[in-house]
Amino acid sequence: MIRTSARLALCALALSFAMPSAAQAQTTGAVRFRIAKAGFILGAGGGTGILVFRGKTYRLGVSGVSVGTIGVANADLVGTAANLRNASDIAGSYVSASASIAAAAGTKSVRLRNAKGVVLDLRGRQVGLEASLNLGGIEISLRQ
């Protein structure tokens, strides 16, 4: 009897660590971005995206500038936006530093953070020809 109770307690403890809490689930949204980028030393890019948060879908705009980019590429990225209190927290400036090479197609993974503490973890596929060792700034806005 004691062993069974101990096993049940251990199983309950393990499940509590494996499953996100209700508070964590409320602060994380799903995101998808489609971005096009082109440049020779100084690059510019932009695109669109969506945020799904607390059962609602929000349209996003993406724009940015990077230094150290050569080529043309498109990227489809999906991931999460953590530490959201409101959907509007996703809006703002994000800074990234990265190095990548994509010829024809490749994978891309990036983690970005804004001043409100929102963390974007994105991964996806990049198509085009691009070589970069860059520092870039990305601006995300909520669209109507």
C-alpha atoms as a PDB file:
ATOM      1  CA  MET A   1       0.000   0.000   0.000  1.00  0.00           C
ATOM      2  CA  ILE A   2       2.775   2.424   0.899  1.00  0.00           C
ATOM      3  CA  ARG A   3       4.684   1.557  -2.293  1.00  0.00           C
ATOM      4  CA  THR A   4       1.591   2.155  -4.417  1.00  0.00           C
ATOM      5  CA  SER A   5       1.021   5.552  -2.779  1.00  0.00           C
ATOM      6  CA  ALA A   6       4.666   6.479  -3.313  1.00  0.00           C
ATOM      7  CA  ARG A   7       4.484   5.459  -6.986  1.00  0.00           C
ATOM      8  CA  LEU A   8       1.329   7.500  -7.511  1.00  0.00           C
ATOM      9  CA  ALA A   9       2.949  10.520  -5.855  1.00  0.00           C
ATOM     10  CA  LEU A  10       6.051  10.182  -8.069  1.00  0.00           C
ATOM     11  CA  CYS A  11       3.897   9.861 -11.205  1.00  0.00           C
ATOM     12  CA  ALA A  12       1.913  12.967 -10.256  1.00  0.00           C
ATOM     13  CA  LEU A  13       5.143  14.892  -9.616  1.00  0.00           C
ATOM     14  CA  ALA A  14       6.622  13.800 -12.971  1.00  0.00           C
ATOM     15  CA  LEU A  15       3.454  14.837 -14.838  1.00  0.00           C
ATOM     16  CA  SER A  16       3.452  18.253 -13.182  1.00  0.00           C
ATOM     17  CA  PHE A  17       6.937  18.919 -14.611  1.00  0.00           C
ATOM     18  CA  ALA A  18       6.089  17.513 -18.053  1.00  0.00           C
ATOM     19  CA  MET A  19       2.914  19.552 -18.614  1.00  0.00           C
ATOM     20  CA  PRO A  20       2.979  23.363 -18.878  1.00  0.00           C
ATOM     21  CA  SER A  21       1.076  25.158 -16.173  1.00  0.00           C
ATOM     22  CA  ALA A  22      -2.061  27.116 -16.993  1.00  0.00           C
ATOM     23  CA  ALA A  23      -0.112  30.347 -16.424  1.00  0.00           C
ATOM     24  CA  GLN A  24       2.591  29.314 -18.917  1.00  0.00           C
ATOM     25  CA  ALA A  25       0.018  28.317 -21.512  1.00  0.00           C
ATOM     26  CA  GLN A  26      -1.649  31.730 -21.225  1.00  0.00           C
ATOM     27  CA  THR A  27       1.630  33.567 -21.869  1.00  0.00           C
ATOM     28  CA  THR A  28       2.729  31.663 -24.974  1.00  0.00           C
ATOM     29  CA  GLY A  29       1.353  32.104 -28.474  1.00  0.00           C
ATOM     30  CA  ALA A  30       2.059  30.433 -31.812  1.00  0.00           C
ATOM     31  CA  VAL A  31       3.615  32.511 -34.598  1.00  0.00           C
ATOM     32  CA  ARG A  32       4.240  32.139 -38.334  1.00  0.00           C
ATOM     33  CA  PHE A  33       6.215  34.545 -40.520  1.00  0.00           C
ATOM     34  CA  ARG A  34       6.872  34.822 -44.282  1.00  0.00           C
ATOM     35  CA  ILE A  35       9.882  37.030 -44.887  1.00  0.00           C
ATOM     36  CA  ALA A  36      11.747  38.146 -48.020  1.00  0.00           C
ATOM     37  CA  LYS A  37      15.263  39.562 -47.759  1.00  0.00           C
ATOM     38  CA  ALA A  38      17.726  41.004 -50.282  1.00  0.00           C
ATOM     39  CA  GLY A  39      20.997  42.826 -49.994  1.00  0.00           C
ATOM     40  CA  PHE A  40      24.589  43.466 -50.839  1.00  0.00           C
ATOM     41  CA  ILE A  41      26.406  44.381 -47.590  1.00  0.00           C
ATOM     42  CA  LEU A  42      23.331  46.301 -46.409  1.00  0.00           C
ATOM     43  CA  GLY A  43      20.184  44.216 -46.577  1.00  0.00           C
ATOM     44  CA  ALA A  44      16.519  44.998 -46.222  1.00  0.00           C
ATOM     45  CA  GLY A  45      13.623  42.692 -45.671  1.00  0.00           C
ATOM     46  CA  GLY A  46       9.996  42.543 -44.809  1.00  0.00           C
ATOM     47  CA  GLY A  47       7.042  40.290 -44.617  1.00  0.00           C
ATOM     48  CA  THR A  48       3.881  39.282 -42.868  1.00  0.00           C
ATOM     49  CA  GLY A  49       2.934  36.988 -40.052  1.00  0.00           C
ATOM     50  CA  ILE A  50       0.277  35.841 -37.649  1.00  0.00           C
ATOM     51  CA  LEU A  51       0.092  35.389 -33.908  1.00  0.00           C
ATOM     52  CA  VAL A  52      -2.409  32.965 -32.392  1.00  0.00           C
ATOM     53  CA  PHE A  53      -2.869  33.889 -28.726  1.00  0.00           C
ATOM     54  CA  ARG A  54      -5.671  32.988 -26.324  1.00  0.00           C
ATOM     55  CA  GLY A  55      -7.807  31.637 -29.151  1.00  0.00           C
ATOM     56  CA  LYS A  56      -7.566  34.752 -31.349  1.00  0.00           C
ATOM     57  CA  THR A  57      -5.547  35.357 -34.519  1.00  0.00           C
ATOM     58  CA  TYR A  58      -3.648  38.632 -34.990  1.00  0.00           C
ATOM     59  CA  ARG A  59      -2.033  39.838 -38.231  1.00  0.00           C
ATOM     60  CA  LEU A  60       1.571  41.008 -38.006  1.00  0.00           C
ATOM     61  CA  GLY A  61       3.875  43.127 -40.148  1.00  0.00           C
ATOM     62  CA  VAL A  62       7.636  42.529 -40.208  1.00  0.00           C
ATOM     63  CA  SER A  63      10.362  44.874 -41.429  1.00  0.00           C
ATOM     64  CA  GLY A  64      14.063  45.013 -40.850  1.00  0.00           C
ATOM     65  CA  VAL A  65      17.568  45.974 -41.875  1.00  0.00           C
ATOM     66  CA  SER A  66      20.733  43.900 -41.642  1.00  0.00           C
ATOM     67  CA  VAL A  67      24.417  44.593 -42.174  1.00  0.00           C
ATOM     68  CA  GLY A  68      26.622  41.919 -43.756  1.00  0.00           C
ATOM     69  CA  THR A  69      24.129  40.207 -46.076  1.00  0.00           C
ATOM     70  CA  ILE A  70      24.765  39.205 -49.690  1.00  0.00           C
ATOM     71  CA  GLY A  71      22.011  37.595 -51.742  1.00  0.00           C
ATOM     72  CA  VAL A  72      18.258  37.120 -51.996  1.00  0.00           C
ATOM     73  CA  ALA A  73      16.223  34.732 -49.849  1.00  0.00           C
ATOM     74  CA  ASN A  74      12.720  33.972 -48.654  1.00  0.00           C
ATOM     75  CA  ALA A  75      11.975  32.313 -45.327  1.00  0.00           C
ATOM     76  CA  ASP A  76       8.898  30.637 -43.852  1.00  0.00           C
ATOM     77  CA  LEU A  77       9.311  30.497 -40.086  1.00  0.00           C
ATOM     78  CA  VAL A  78       7.082  29.037 -37.373  1.00  0.00           C
ATOM     79  CA  GLY A  79       7.485  28.930 -33.620  1.00  0.00           C
ATOM     80  CA  THR A  80       6.406  30.409 -30.332  1.00  0.00           C
ATOM     81  CA  ALA A  81       6.149  33.817 -28.700  1.00  0.00           C
ATOM     82  CA  ALA A  82       6.700  33.441 -24.954  1.00  0.00           C
ATOM     83  CA  ASN A  83       6.162  35.889 -22.074  1.00  0.00           C
ATOM     84  CA  LEU A  84       3.099  37.584 -23.597  1.00  0.00           C
ATOM     85  CA  ARG A  85       0.695  39.333 -21.230  1.00  0.00           C
ATOM     86  CA  ASN A  86      -1.295  40.849 -24.122  1.00  0.00           C
ATOM     87  CA  ALA A  87      -1.140  40.282 -27.858  1.00  0.00           C
ATOM     88  CA  SER A  88       0.246  43.814 -28.249  1.00  0.00           C
ATOM     89  CA  ASP A  89       3.398  42.803 -26.328  1.00  0.00           C
ATOM     90  CA  ILE A  90       4.707  41.135 -29.494  1.00  0.00           C
ATOM     91  CA  ALA A  91       5.019  44.530 -31.208  1.00  0.00           C
ATOM     92  CA  GLY A  92       8.405  46.201 -30.997  1.00  0.00           C
ATOM     93  CA  SER A  93      12.043  46.023 -31.972  1.00  0.00           C
ATOM     94  CA  TYR A  94      14.030  42.801 -31.871  1.00  0.00           C
ATOM     95  CA  VAL A  95      17.792  42.473 -32.354  1.00  0.00           C
ATOM     96  CA  SER A  96      19.523  39.398 -33.696  1.00  0.00           C
ATOM     97  CA  ALA A  97      23.066  38.387 -34.480  1.00  0.00           C
ATOM     98  CA  SER A  98      23.495  35.400 -36.782  1.00  0.00           C
ATOM     99  CA  ALA A  99      25.621  33.637 -39.349  1.00  0.00           C
ATOM    100  CA  SER A 100      24.193  31.514 -42.138  1.00  0.00           C
ATOM    101  CA  ILE A 101      24.623  30.291 -45.685  1.00  0.00           C
ATOM    102  CA  ALA A 102      21.705  29.105 -47.793  1.00  0.00           C
ATOM    103  CA  ALA A 103      22.016  27.956 -51.393  1.00  0.00           C
ATOM    104  CA  ALA A 104      18.739  26.798 -52.925  1.00  0.00           C
ATOM    105  CA  ALA A 105      17.202  25.682 -49.615  1.00  0.00           C
ATOM    106  CA  GLY A 106      18.227  25.369 -46.009  1.00  0.00           C
ATOM    107  CA  THR A 107      16.943  25.483 -42.476  1.00  0.00           C
ATOM    108  CA  LYS A 108      16.963  28.551 -40.287  1.00  0.00           C
ATOM    109  CA  SER A 109      16.601  28.835 -36.529  1.00  0.00           C
ATOM    110  CA  VAL A 110      16.619  32.030 -34.512  1.00  0.00           C
ATOM    111  CA  ARG A 111      15.789  33.294 -31.023  1.00  0.00           C
ATOM    112  CA  LEU A 112      14.831  36.963 -30.640  1.00  0.00           C
ATOM    113  CA  ARG A 113      13.877  39.121 -27.648  1.00  0.00           C
ATOM    114  CA  ASN A 114      12.224  42.531 -27.406  1.00  0.00           C
ATOM    115  CA  ALA A 115      12.271  45.182 -24.663  1.00  0.00           C
ATOM    116  CA  LYS A 116       9.018  43.835 -23.144  1.00  0.00           C
ATOM    117  CA  GLY A 117      10.686  40.451 -22.547  1.00  0.00           C
ATOM    118  CA  VAL A 118       8.836  38.620 -25.333  1.00  0.00           C
ATOM    119  CA  VAL A 119      10.987  35.777 -26.674  1.00  0.00           C
ATOM    120  CA  LEU A 120      10.446  34.475 -30.205  1.00  0.00           C
ATOM    121  CA  ASP A 121      11.787  30.990 -30.941  1.00  0.00           C
ATOM    122  CA  LEU A 122      11.520  30.468 -34.692  1.00  0.00           C
ATOM    123  CA  ARG A 123      12.554  27.738 -37.070  1.00  0.00           C
ATOM    124  CA  GLY A 124      11.826  27.027 -40.669  1.00  0.00           C
ATOM    125  CA  ARG A 125      12.920  26.812 -44.238  1.00  0.00           C
ATOM    126  CA  GLN A 126      14.841  29.399 -46.217  1.00  0.00           C
ATOM    127  CA  VAL A 127      14.921  29.374 -50.032  1.00  0.00           C
ATOM    128  CA  GLY A 128      17.303  31.407 -52.195  1.00  0.00           C
ATOM    129  CA  LEU A 129      20.978  32.277 -52.193  1.00  0.00           C
ATOM    130  CA  GLU A 130      22.249  34.142 -49.178  1.00  0.00           C
ATOM    131  CA  ALA A 131      25.496  34.388 -47.250  1.00  0.00           C
ATOM    132  CA  SER A 132      25.446  36.429 -44.099  1.00  0.00           C
ATOM    133  CA  LEU A 133      27.394  37.273 -41.008  1.00  0.00           C
ATOM    134  CA  ASN A 134      25.153  39.969 -39.734  1.00  0.00           C
ATOM    135  CA  LEU A 135      23.677  42.071 -37.033  1.00  0.00           C
ATOM    136  CA  GLY A 136      20.085  42.870 -37.764  1.00  0.00           C
ATOM    137  CA  GLY A 137      17.148  44.691 -36.343  1.00  0.00           C
ATOM    138  CA  ILE A 138      13.593  43.491 -36.863  1.00  0.00           C
ATOM    139  CA  GLU A 139      10.470  45.512 -36.208  1.00  0.00           C
ATOM    140  CA  ILE A 140       7.191  43.659 -35.630  1.00  0.00           C
ATOM    141  CA  SER A 141       3.860  45.501 -35.674  1.00  0.00           C
ATOM    142  CA  LEU A 142       0.231  44.498 -35.110  1.00  0.00           C
ATOM    143  CA  ARG A 143      -1.934  45.114 -38.188  1.00  0.00           C
ATOM    144  CA  GLN A 144      -5.651  45.798 -38.346  1.00  0.00           C
END
